[in-house]
Amino acid sequence: MGCDRNCGLIAGAVIGAVLAVFGGILMPVGDMLIERTIKKEVVLEEGTIAYQNWVKTGTEVYRQFWIYDVQNPQEVVANSSKIKVKQRGPYTYRVRYLAKKNITHDPENHTVSFLQPNEAIFEPSLSAGTENDTWTVLNLAVAAAPHLYPNTFVQVVLNSLIKKSKSSMFQKRTVKELLWGYKDPFLSLVPYPISTTVGVFFPYNNTADGVYTVFSGKDNINQVAIIDTYKGKKSIYAVFAAEINLKGIPVYRFVLPSMAFASPLQNPDNHCFCTETVISNNCTSYGVLDIGRCKEGKPVYISLPHFLHSSPDIAEPIEGLNPNEDEHSTYLDVEPITGFTLRFAKRLQINILVKPAKKIEALKGLKRNYIVPILWLNETGTIGDEKAEMFRKRVTGKINLLGLVEITLLSVGVVMFVAFMISYCACRSKKVK
């Protein structure tokens, strides 16, 4: 009888130990098996689920625009006053719904390159007005003229054409014209062949953006679809901010840091964006990046909306801006196991540098330089409810279930082992007495 009881207790302890060991072994082995399964399906190569969803995304991506409506154009032209603005919008378009094209794979560097076709569909139900809403905005052609043609004689000629076309520093344009293009009356009078259509995003429809080069994830699943280069240049970076929950899926939020728009003195990587020592106060101003080299010499600067994280001198000539982190920062919500971006908000502001020009009457009254905000955009995309449910079942659900099994086996095994061993020791102690 005693032997049977002791043997039973020892057997229970052994079973508990086996369960605990099995639970412990299952942790690395199970994680390895899941990683292998995930890696097989999430890399960007033909035949995987990830590749099919990546080539033509099923997630709806929207681009919202807020236009800066200038309230005091006459005061600015006559007295070089601060520019008072009110943002108007949003005006919302559906974008990035066409399949990627010209896809090429680089197995050596584990990257994929592609072009993203551009098309935009206006969404009235998600907009504050129509595409025909008209606002007072900077005259893009007039503002750019002295930058593109610094020669004094040429500016005299351009001034006569600007006056003849009755153009000024500011103009009234519809949302559709400002975004996608309009025939400029001043440029139409230029006596030699130039493009006469002007627009912040002209040309857009029936064009393609890129070349993008992203990581395939073949050697590191945490880099799946992360941009390596854009048009042959290194992409801007993001930093980890917090761990949050998105539709029941734990994700890591990465944000665009203020250092991305820092001055070259703070961030040497931005040295190529400082091309005007006067405008940038000897490269000490921060918060805007000069992208004129990418825009055929036009004085285009990008920043975060409302000059978020910009130096005070940048925003000082502009009234009506209210920068805040929640509405104007850029972020990515990345699922850490697969590396998939499940939600993003890309916020960006387009600005034009305007300088005094003595030979151009529309600008000669200015006594200071302005970096004039034209509009800001918010491009967003979020995993849909159906795809989120599928993701939870195929990825996070299996991982959570495996984790529960591992913890249960380990916990039950340890409890059984300790309980049976204590009972065995107690029985042995009684027998000795």
Protein backbone atom coordinates (compact mmCIF):
# COMPACT_ATOMS: atom_id res chain seq x y z
CA MET A 1 0.00 0.00 0.00
CA GLY A 2 2.78 2.42 1.03
CA CYS A 3 4.80 1.54 -2.01
CA ASP A 4 1.83 2.08 -4.30
CA ARG A 5 1.19 5.50 -2.78
CA ASN A 6 4.85 6.53 -2.95
CA CYS A 7 5.13 5.25 -6.48
CA GLY A 8 2.02 7.21 -7.42
CA LEU A 9 3.42 10.39 -5.90
CA ILE A 10 6.74 9.91 -7.67
CA ALA A 11 4.92 9.22 -10.94
CA GLY A 12 2.87 12.40 -10.50
CA ALA A 13 6.03 14.38 -9.83
CA VAL A 14 7.67 12.90 -12.92
CA ILE A 15 4.62 13.73 -15.07
CA GLY A 16 4.66 17.28 -13.70
CA ALA A 17 8.35 17.60 -14.48
CA VAL A 18 7.78 16.29 -18.01
CA LEU A 19 4.96 18.77 -18.58
CA ALA A 20 7.08 21.64 -17.26
CA VAL A 21 10.02 20.64 -19.44
CA PHE A 22 7.76 20.21 -22.45
CA GLY A 23 6.23 23.65 -21.85
CA GLY A 24 9.71 25.15 -21.56
CA ILE A 25 10.92 23.43 -24.72
CA LEU A 26 7.76 24.47 -26.59
CA MET A 27 8.55 28.15 -26.04
CA PRO A 28 11.61 28.43 -28.31
CA VAL A 29 10.53 25.56 -30.58
CA GLY A 30 7.00 26.92 -30.99
CA ASP A 31 8.27 30.43 -31.61
CA MET A 32 10.67 29.05 -34.20
CA LEU A 33 7.88 27.13 -35.96
CA ILE A 34 5.60 30.16 -35.99
CA GLU A 35 8.39 32.39 -37.24
CA ARG A 36 9.12 29.90 -40.00
CA THR A 37 5.45 29.79 -41.00
CA ILE A 38 5.07 33.55 -40.87
CA LYS A 39 8.31 34.15 -42.72
CA LYS A 40 7.13 31.88 -45.48
CA GLU A 41 3.97 33.92 -46.04
CA VAL A 42 4.97 37.51 -45.24
CA VAL A 43 8.03 38.00 -47.40
CA LEU A 44 7.53 39.96 -50.60
CA GLU A 45 8.09 37.28 -53.19
CA GLU A 46 5.76 35.76 -55.74
CA GLY A 47 3.38 33.16 -54.34
CA THR A 48 3.08 34.50 -50.79
CA ILE A 49 -0.09 35.97 -49.25
CA ALA A 50 1.81 39.15 -48.39
CA TYR A 51 2.95 39.65 -51.97
CA GLN A 52 -0.58 39.32 -53.36
CA ASN A 53 -1.91 41.93 -50.91
CA TRP A 54 1.09 44.19 -51.44
CA VAL A 55 0.99 44.38 -55.24
CA LYS A 56 -2.56 45.72 -55.07
CA THR A 57 -3.59 46.68 -51.59
CA GLY A 58 -7.17 46.12 -50.50
CA THR A 59 -6.83 48.80 -47.83
CA GLU A 60 -8.41 52.11 -48.79
CA VAL A 61 -5.89 54.94 -48.69
CA TYR A 62 -7.13 58.52 -48.51
CA ARG A 63 -5.30 61.80 -48.99
CA GLN A 64 -6.88 64.79 -47.25
CA PHE A 65 -5.90 68.34 -48.16
CA TRP A 66 -6.23 71.52 -46.12
CA ILE A 67 -5.76 74.73 -48.13
CA TYR A 68 -4.30 77.87 -46.53
CA ASP A 69 -6.71 80.68 -47.48
CA VAL A 70 -4.92 84.07 -47.29
CA GLN A 71 -7.04 86.69 -45.51
CA ASN A 72 -5.02 89.88 -46.16
CA PRO A 73 -3.39 89.68 -49.61
CA GLN A 74 -3.46 93.46 -50.25
CA GLU A 75 -1.78 94.27 -46.93
CA VAL A 76 1.01 91.80 -47.62
CA VAL A 77 1.69 93.15 -51.11
CA ALA A 78 1.58 96.80 -50.05
CA ASN A 79 3.10 96.71 -46.56
CA SER A 80 4.93 93.39 -46.31
CA SER A 81 2.59 92.53 -43.40
CA LYS A 82 2.36 89.18 -41.72
CA ILE A 83 0.36 86.76 -43.85
CA LYS A 84 -2.92 85.85 -42.12
CA VAL A 85 -4.22 82.41 -43.10
CA LYS A 86 -7.17 80.13 -42.37
CA GLN A 87 -7.04 76.47 -43.24
CA ARG A 88 -9.93 75.21 -45.37
CA GLY A 89 -10.83 71.56 -45.68
CA PRO A 90 -10.45 68.70 -45.67
CA TYR A 91 -10.80 67.92 -49.36
CA THR A 92 -10.45 64.16 -49.58
CA TYR A 93 -9.31 61.90 -52.42
CA ARG A 94 -8.90 58.16 -52.64
CA VAL A 95 -5.37 57.29 -53.83
CA ARG A 96 -2.97 54.37 -54.24
CA TYR A 97 -5.67 51.93 -55.33
CA LEU A 98 -3.93 50.80 -58.53
CA ALA A 99 -1.56 47.83 -58.64
CA LYS A 100 2.17 48.54 -58.47
CA LYS A 101 4.04 48.17 -61.74
CA ASN A 102 7.58 47.62 -63.07
CA ILE A 103 8.26 45.34 -60.10
CA THR A 104 11.80 43.98 -59.97
CA HIS A 105 13.41 41.77 -57.33
CA ASP A 106 17.00 41.95 -56.09
CA PRO A 107 17.66 38.60 -54.36
CA GLU A 108 21.15 39.63 -53.36
CA ASN A 109 20.08 42.71 -51.38
CA HIS A 110 16.65 41.28 -50.50
CA THR A 111 14.82 44.28 -51.94
CA VAL A 112 11.95 44.92 -54.34
CA SER A 113 11.70 47.98 -56.58
CA PHE A 114 8.51 49.32 -58.14
CA LEU A 115 6.52 52.28 -59.43
CA GLN A 116 3.25 53.35 -57.80
CA PRO A 117 0.69 54.55 -60.39
CA ASN A 118 -0.95 57.86 -59.44
CA GLU A 119 -4.69 58.38 -59.66
CA ALA A 120 -6.94 60.39 -57.36
CA ILE A 121 -10.72 60.10 -56.98
CA PHE A 122 -12.51 62.92 -55.18
CA GLU A 123 -14.65 61.75 -52.23
CA PRO A 124 -17.43 64.33 -51.63
CA SER A 125 -18.83 62.53 -48.58
CA LEU A 126 -15.45 62.84 -46.82
CA SER A 127 -14.85 66.45 -47.81
CA ALA A 128 -15.81 69.84 -46.36
CA GLY A 129 -16.84 71.21 -49.75
CA THR A 130 -16.48 70.67 -53.49
CA GLU A 131 -13.47 70.80 -55.77
CA ASN A 132 -14.83 74.13 -57.05
CA ASP A 133 -14.45 75.87 -53.70
CA THR A 134 -12.32 78.96 -54.37
CA TRP A 135 -9.68 80.39 -52.02
CA THR A 136 -7.01 83.07 -52.06
CA VAL A 137 -3.58 81.46 -52.38
CA LEU A 138 -0.06 82.36 -53.41
CA ASN A 139 0.49 82.81 -57.13
CA LEU A 140 2.87 79.92 -57.77
CA ALA A 141 4.22 81.18 -61.11
CA VAL A 142 4.85 84.75 -59.95
CA ALA A 143 6.50 83.62 -56.70
CA ALA A 144 8.85 81.25 -58.54
CA ALA A 145 9.81 83.66 -61.35
CA PRO A 146 12.74 85.48 -59.64
CA HIS A 147 14.18 82.17 -58.42
CA LEU A 148 14.12 80.58 -61.84
CA TYR A 149 15.25 83.72 -63.68
CA PRO A 150 17.61 85.79 -61.47
CA ASN A 151 18.95 87.81 -64.42
CA THR A 152 17.86 91.48 -64.12
CA PHE A 153 17.00 91.94 -67.80
CA VAL A 154 14.92 88.75 -67.87
CA GLN A 155 13.06 89.90 -64.76
CA VAL A 156 12.21 93.20 -66.45
CA VAL A 157 10.69 91.26 -69.34
CA LEU A 158 8.84 88.93 -66.98
CA ASN A 159 7.49 91.92 -65.06
CA SER A 160 5.88 93.30 -68.22
CA LEU A 161 4.22 89.93 -68.85
CA ILE A 162 3.02 89.67 -65.24
CA LYS A 163 1.47 93.15 -65.49
CA LYS A 164 -0.06 92.41 -68.89
CA SER A 165 -1.69 89.22 -67.54
CA LYS A 166 -2.93 91.20 -64.48
CA SER A 167 -1.24 88.70 -62.20
CA SER A 168 -0.19 89.47 -58.63
CA MET A 169 1.51 87.85 -55.66
CA PHE A 170 -1.78 86.21 -54.71
CA GLN A 171 -4.61 84.75 -56.76
CA LYS A 172 -7.98 83.06 -56.39
CA ARG A 173 -8.02 79.43 -57.43
CA THR A 174 -10.37 76.47 -57.01
CA VAL A 175 -9.22 73.49 -55.00
CA LYS A 176 -9.09 71.40 -58.17
CA GLU A 177 -6.94 73.97 -59.98
CA LEU A 178 -4.52 74.44 -57.11
CA LEU A 179 -4.00 70.71 -56.61
CA TRP A 180 -4.06 69.27 -60.10
CA GLY A 181 -3.21 72.15 -62.40
CA TYR A 182 -4.45 75.22 -64.27
CA LYS A 183 -3.27 77.20 -67.29
CA ASP A 184 -1.41 80.20 -65.87
CA PRO A 185 -2.16 83.53 -67.64
CA PHE A 186 1.31 84.96 -67.01
CA LEU A 187 3.20 81.92 -68.30
CA SER A 188 0.90 81.77 -71.34
CA LEU A 189 2.38 85.09 -72.50
CA VAL A 190 6.01 83.93 -72.35
CA PRO A 191 7.25 84.04 -75.98
CA TYR A 192 9.23 80.81 -75.91
CA PRO A 193 8.12 77.21 -75.29
CA ILE A 194 7.59 76.45 -71.61
CA SER A 195 5.01 74.51 -69.64
CA THR A 196 2.11 76.85 -68.96
CA THR A 197 0.21 74.54 -66.62
CA VAL A 198 0.84 75.03 -62.92
CA GLY A 199 -0.39 73.03 -59.91
CA VAL A 200 1.01 71.78 -56.63
CA PHE A 201 0.69 68.16 -57.78
CA PHE A 202 0.70 68.64 -61.54
CA PRO A 203 1.10 66.28 -63.29
CA TYR A 204 -0.50 63.54 -61.18
CA ASN A 205 -3.18 61.38 -62.79
CA ASN A 206 -1.80 58.92 -65.35
CA THR A 207 1.71 59.26 -63.90
CA ALA A 208 3.70 57.04 -61.55
CA ASP A 209 5.54 57.77 -58.31
CA GLY A 210 8.92 56.23 -57.63
CA VAL A 211 11.14 54.37 -58.07
CA TYR A 212 10.58 52.94 -54.58
CA THR A 213 12.91 50.26 -53.25
CA VAL A 214 11.66 48.33 -50.23
CA PHE A 215 12.97 45.39 -48.25
CA SER A 216 11.44 42.03 -49.13
CA GLY A 217 11.90 40.65 -45.60
CA LYS A 218 13.60 37.52 -46.88
CA ASP A 219 16.51 37.91 -44.47
CA ASN A 220 14.70 39.93 -41.80
CA ILE A 221 10.90 39.81 -41.52
CA ASN A 222 10.93 42.91 -39.34
CA GLN A 223 11.88 44.93 -42.43
CA VAL A 224 9.09 43.73 -44.71
CA ALA A 225 7.97 46.55 -47.05
CA ILE A 226 10.06 49.17 -45.25
CA ILE A 227 11.37 51.74 -47.74
CA ASP A 228 15.10 51.55 -48.33
CA THR A 229 15.38 54.25 -51.00
CA TYR A 230 13.09 56.60 -52.93
CA LYS A 231 14.26 57.72 -56.37
CA GLY A 232 17.66 56.34 -55.51
CA LYS A 233 17.99 58.33 -52.29
CA LYS A 234 17.76 57.18 -48.68
CA SER A 235 14.32 57.54 -47.16
CA ILE A 236 13.49 59.52 -44.05
CA TYR A 237 13.43 57.52 -40.82
CA ALA A 238 11.05 56.99 -37.89
CA VAL A 239 11.66 56.17 -34.24
CA PHE A 240 9.76 53.98 -31.77
CA ALA A 241 7.20 55.89 -29.67
CA ALA A 242 4.82 53.47 -27.95
CA GLU A 243 3.10 50.10 -27.99
CA ILE A 244 -0.62 50.38 -28.67
CA ASN A 245 -3.59 48.17 -29.59
CA LEU A 246 -5.15 48.37 -33.04
CA LYS A 247 -8.38 46.40 -33.49
CA GLY A 248 -7.17 43.77 -31.06
CA ILE A 249 -3.69 43.57 -32.60
CA PRO A 250 -0.66 44.77 -30.59
CA VAL A 251 1.38 47.17 -32.73
CA TYR A 252 4.42 49.39 -32.31
CA ARG A 253 3.96 53.07 -33.17
CA PHE A 254 6.86 54.76 -34.93
CA VAL A 255 6.87 58.53 -35.39
CA LEU A 256 8.78 60.96 -37.55
CA PRO A 257 11.20 62.65 -35.13
CA SER A 258 11.85 66.37 -35.03
CA MET A 259 15.49 65.59 -35.92
CA ALA A 260 14.32 64.61 -39.41
CA PHE A 261 13.66 68.31 -40.07
CA ALA A 262 16.54 69.62 -37.92
CA SER A 263 19.15 72.07 -39.14
CA PRO A 264 22.45 70.68 -40.49
CA LEU A 265 24.10 71.84 -37.28
CA GLN A 266 21.80 69.53 -35.31
CA ASN A 267 21.57 66.78 -37.91
CA PRO A 268 24.50 66.66 -40.39
CA ASP A 269 22.49 64.31 -42.63
CA ASN A 270 20.36 67.31 -43.63
CA HIS A 271 23.26 69.32 -45.04
CA CYS A 272 22.02 68.94 -48.62
CA PHE A 273 18.71 70.63 -47.72
CA CYS A 274 20.46 73.87 -46.72
CA THR A 275 21.03 75.74 -49.99
CA GLU A 276 20.25 79.33 -48.96
CA THR A 277 22.43 80.69 -46.16
CA VAL A 278 20.38 83.90 -45.94
CA ILE A 279 17.01 82.16 -45.76
CA SER A 280 18.26 79.55 -43.30
CA ASN A 281 20.18 82.02 -41.12
CA ASN A 282 23.46 80.30 -41.95
CA CYS A 283 21.83 76.89 -41.76
CA THR A 284 20.61 77.41 -38.17
CA SER A 285 16.87 77.52 -38.96
CA TYR A 286 15.08 74.21 -38.73
CA GLY A 287 11.74 72.60 -39.45
CA VAL A 288 11.73 72.95 -43.25
CA LEU A 289 13.61 71.14 -45.99
CA ASP A 290 14.47 72.70 -49.35
CA ILE A 291 13.51 70.23 -52.09
CA GLY A 292 14.03 72.66 -54.97
CA ARG A 293 16.60 70.37 -56.58
CA CYS A 294 13.85 67.79 -57.00
CA LYS A 295 11.46 70.40 -58.41
CA GLU A 296 13.53 71.84 -61.29
CA GLY A 297 14.83 74.68 -59.15
CA LYS A 298 11.44 75.91 -57.96
CA PRO A 299 11.58 77.31 -54.39
CA VAL A 300 9.62 74.45 -52.79
CA TYR A 301 10.06 73.62 -49.11
CA ILE A 302 8.42 70.83 -47.16
CA SER A 303 7.66 70.77 -43.44
CA LEU A 304 5.29 69.24 -40.97
CA PRO A 305 1.81 70.85 -40.96
CA HIS A 306 1.51 74.27 -39.32
CA PHE A 307 5.33 74.30 -39.09
CA LEU A 308 5.28 71.77 -36.26
CA HIS A 309 8.81 71.41 -34.75
CA SER A 310 10.04 74.41 -36.78
CA SER A 311 12.22 77.22 -35.46
CA PRO A 312 10.31 80.39 -34.44
CA ASP A 313 11.72 82.47 -37.30
CA ILE A 314 10.06 80.18 -39.88
CA ALA A 315 6.51 80.65 -38.60
CA GLU A 316 6.90 84.24 -37.35
CA PRO A 317 5.68 85.96 -40.59
CA ILE A 318 2.54 83.77 -40.69
CA GLU A 319 -0.56 84.23 -38.51
CA GLY A 320 -3.26 81.60 -38.01
CA LEU A 321 -1.10 78.51 -37.47
CA ASN A 322 -1.79 76.15 -34.58
CA PRO A 323 0.68 73.25 -34.59
CA ASN A 324 -0.03 70.26 -32.38
CA GLU A 325 1.44 66.80 -32.15
CA ASP A 326 -1.81 64.81 -32.36
CA GLU A 327 -3.07 66.33 -35.61
CA HIS A 328 0.16 67.16 -37.40
CA SER A 329 2.70 64.41 -36.67
CA THR A 330 3.49 61.49 -38.97
CA TYR A 331 3.33 57.93 -37.65
CA LEU A 332 3.34 54.26 -38.62
CA ASP A 333 1.69 51.46 -36.62
CA VAL A 334 3.72 48.32 -37.29
CA GLU A 335 2.86 44.76 -36.24
CA PRO A 336 6.19 43.65 -34.70
CA ILE A 337 6.08 39.95 -35.63
CA THR A 338 5.40 40.34 -39.34
CA GLY A 339 6.71 43.87 -39.82
CA PHE A 340 3.46 44.85 -41.59
CA THR A 341 2.31 48.46 -41.37
CA LEU A 342 -1.34 48.17 -40.35
CA ARG A 343 -2.06 51.90 -40.02
CA PHE A 344 -0.26 55.07 -41.03
CA ALA A 345 -0.74 58.82 -41.22
CA LYS A 346 1.68 60.72 -43.45
CA ARG A 347 1.33 64.45 -42.80
CA LEU A 348 3.23 66.97 -44.85
CA GLN A 349 3.05 70.67 -45.68
CA ILE A 350 3.97 72.27 -49.00
CA ASN A 351 5.50 75.73 -48.80
CA ILE A 352 6.93 78.21 -51.33
CA LEU A 353 9.76 80.62 -50.62
CA VAL A 354 8.95 84.18 -51.68
CA LYS A 355 11.65 86.87 -51.77
CA PRO A 356 11.56 90.57 -52.63
CA ALA A 357 12.30 91.29 -56.30
CA LYS A 358 12.95 94.94 -57.22
CA LYS A 359 12.32 94.41 -60.93
CA ILE A 360 8.98 92.61 -60.45
CA GLU A 361 6.29 94.99 -59.22
CA ALA A 362 4.15 92.24 -57.71
CA LEU A 363 7.00 91.45 -55.29
CA LYS A 364 9.01 94.66 -54.98
CA GLY A 365 6.99 95.90 -51.98
CA LEU A 366 8.17 93.00 -49.83
CA LYS A 367 10.69 93.84 -47.14
CA ARG A 368 11.28 90.30 -45.92
CA ASN A 369 11.43 86.71 -47.05
CA TYR A 370 8.41 84.49 -46.56
CA ILE A 371 8.15 80.71 -46.55
CA VAL A 372 4.47 80.70 -47.46
CA PRO A 373 2.37 77.63 -46.55
CA ILE A 374 0.20 76.57 -49.50
CA LEU A 375 -1.50 73.45 -48.13
CA TRP A 376 -0.95 70.46 -45.93
CA LEU A 377 -1.97 66.88 -46.54
CA ASN A 378 -2.76 63.83 -44.48
CA GLU A 379 -2.43 60.51 -46.30
CA THR A 380 -3.95 57.74 -44.21
CA GLY A 381 -4.61 54.04 -44.42
CA THR A 382 -5.90 51.58 -41.82
CA ILE A 383 -6.33 47.82 -41.99
CA GLY A 384 -10.01 47.01 -42.52
CA ASP A 385 -12.13 45.12 -39.99
CA GLU A 386 -12.28 42.00 -42.18
CA LYS A 387 -8.53 41.90 -42.72
CA ALA A 388 -7.90 42.66 -39.06
CA GLU A 389 -10.01 39.66 -38.09
CA MET A 390 -8.15 37.47 -40.57
CA PHE A 391 -4.84 38.76 -39.20
CA ARG A 392 -5.90 37.98 -35.63
CA LYS A 393 -6.87 34.43 -36.61
CA ARG A 394 -3.84 33.62 -38.75
CA VAL A 395 -1.13 35.41 -36.80
CA THR A 396 -1.86 36.90 -33.39
CA GLY A 397 -4.52 34.30 -32.55
CA LYS A 398 -2.16 31.40 -33.16
CA ILE A 399 0.64 33.11 -31.28
CA ASN A 400 -1.60 33.86 -28.32
CA LEU A 401 -2.93 30.29 -28.30
CA LEU A 402 0.57 28.87 -28.43
CA GLY A 403 1.64 31.20 -25.63
CA LEU A 404 -1.34 30.09 -23.53
CA VAL A 405 -0.51 26.42 -24.11
CA GLU A 406 3.15 27.05 -23.19
CA ILE A 407 2.30 28.88 -19.97
CA THR A 408 -0.38 26.32 -19.03
CA LEU A 409 1.94 23.35 -19.53
CA LEU A 410 4.75 25.04 -17.66
CA SER A 411 2.54 26.20 -14.79
CA VAL A 412 0.62 22.93 -14.39
CA GLY A 413 3.84 20.93 -14.64
CA VAL A 414 5.62 22.99 -11.97
CA VAL A 415 2.60 22.87 -9.63
CA MET A 416 2.23 19.11 -10.08
CA PHE A 417 5.94 18.49 -9.54
CA VAL A 418 6.11 20.62 -6.38
CA ALA A 419 2.83 19.27 -4.98
CA PHE A 420 3.67 15.60 -5.53
CA MET A 421 7.23 16.01 -4.26
CA ILE A 422 6.00 17.73 -1.09
CA SER A 423 3.47 14.94 -0.57
CA TYR A 424 6.12 12.30 -1.19
CA CYS A 425 8.52 13.93 1.26
CA ALA A 426 5.76 14.22 3.85
CA CYS A 427 4.89 10.55 3.48
CA ARG A 428 8.54 9.54 3.80
CA SER A 429 8.86 11.67 6.90
CA LYS A 430 5.87 10.01 8.55
CA LYS A 431 7.23 6.55 7.67
CA VAL A 432 10.62 7.34 9.31
CA LYS A 433 8.91 8.41 12.53
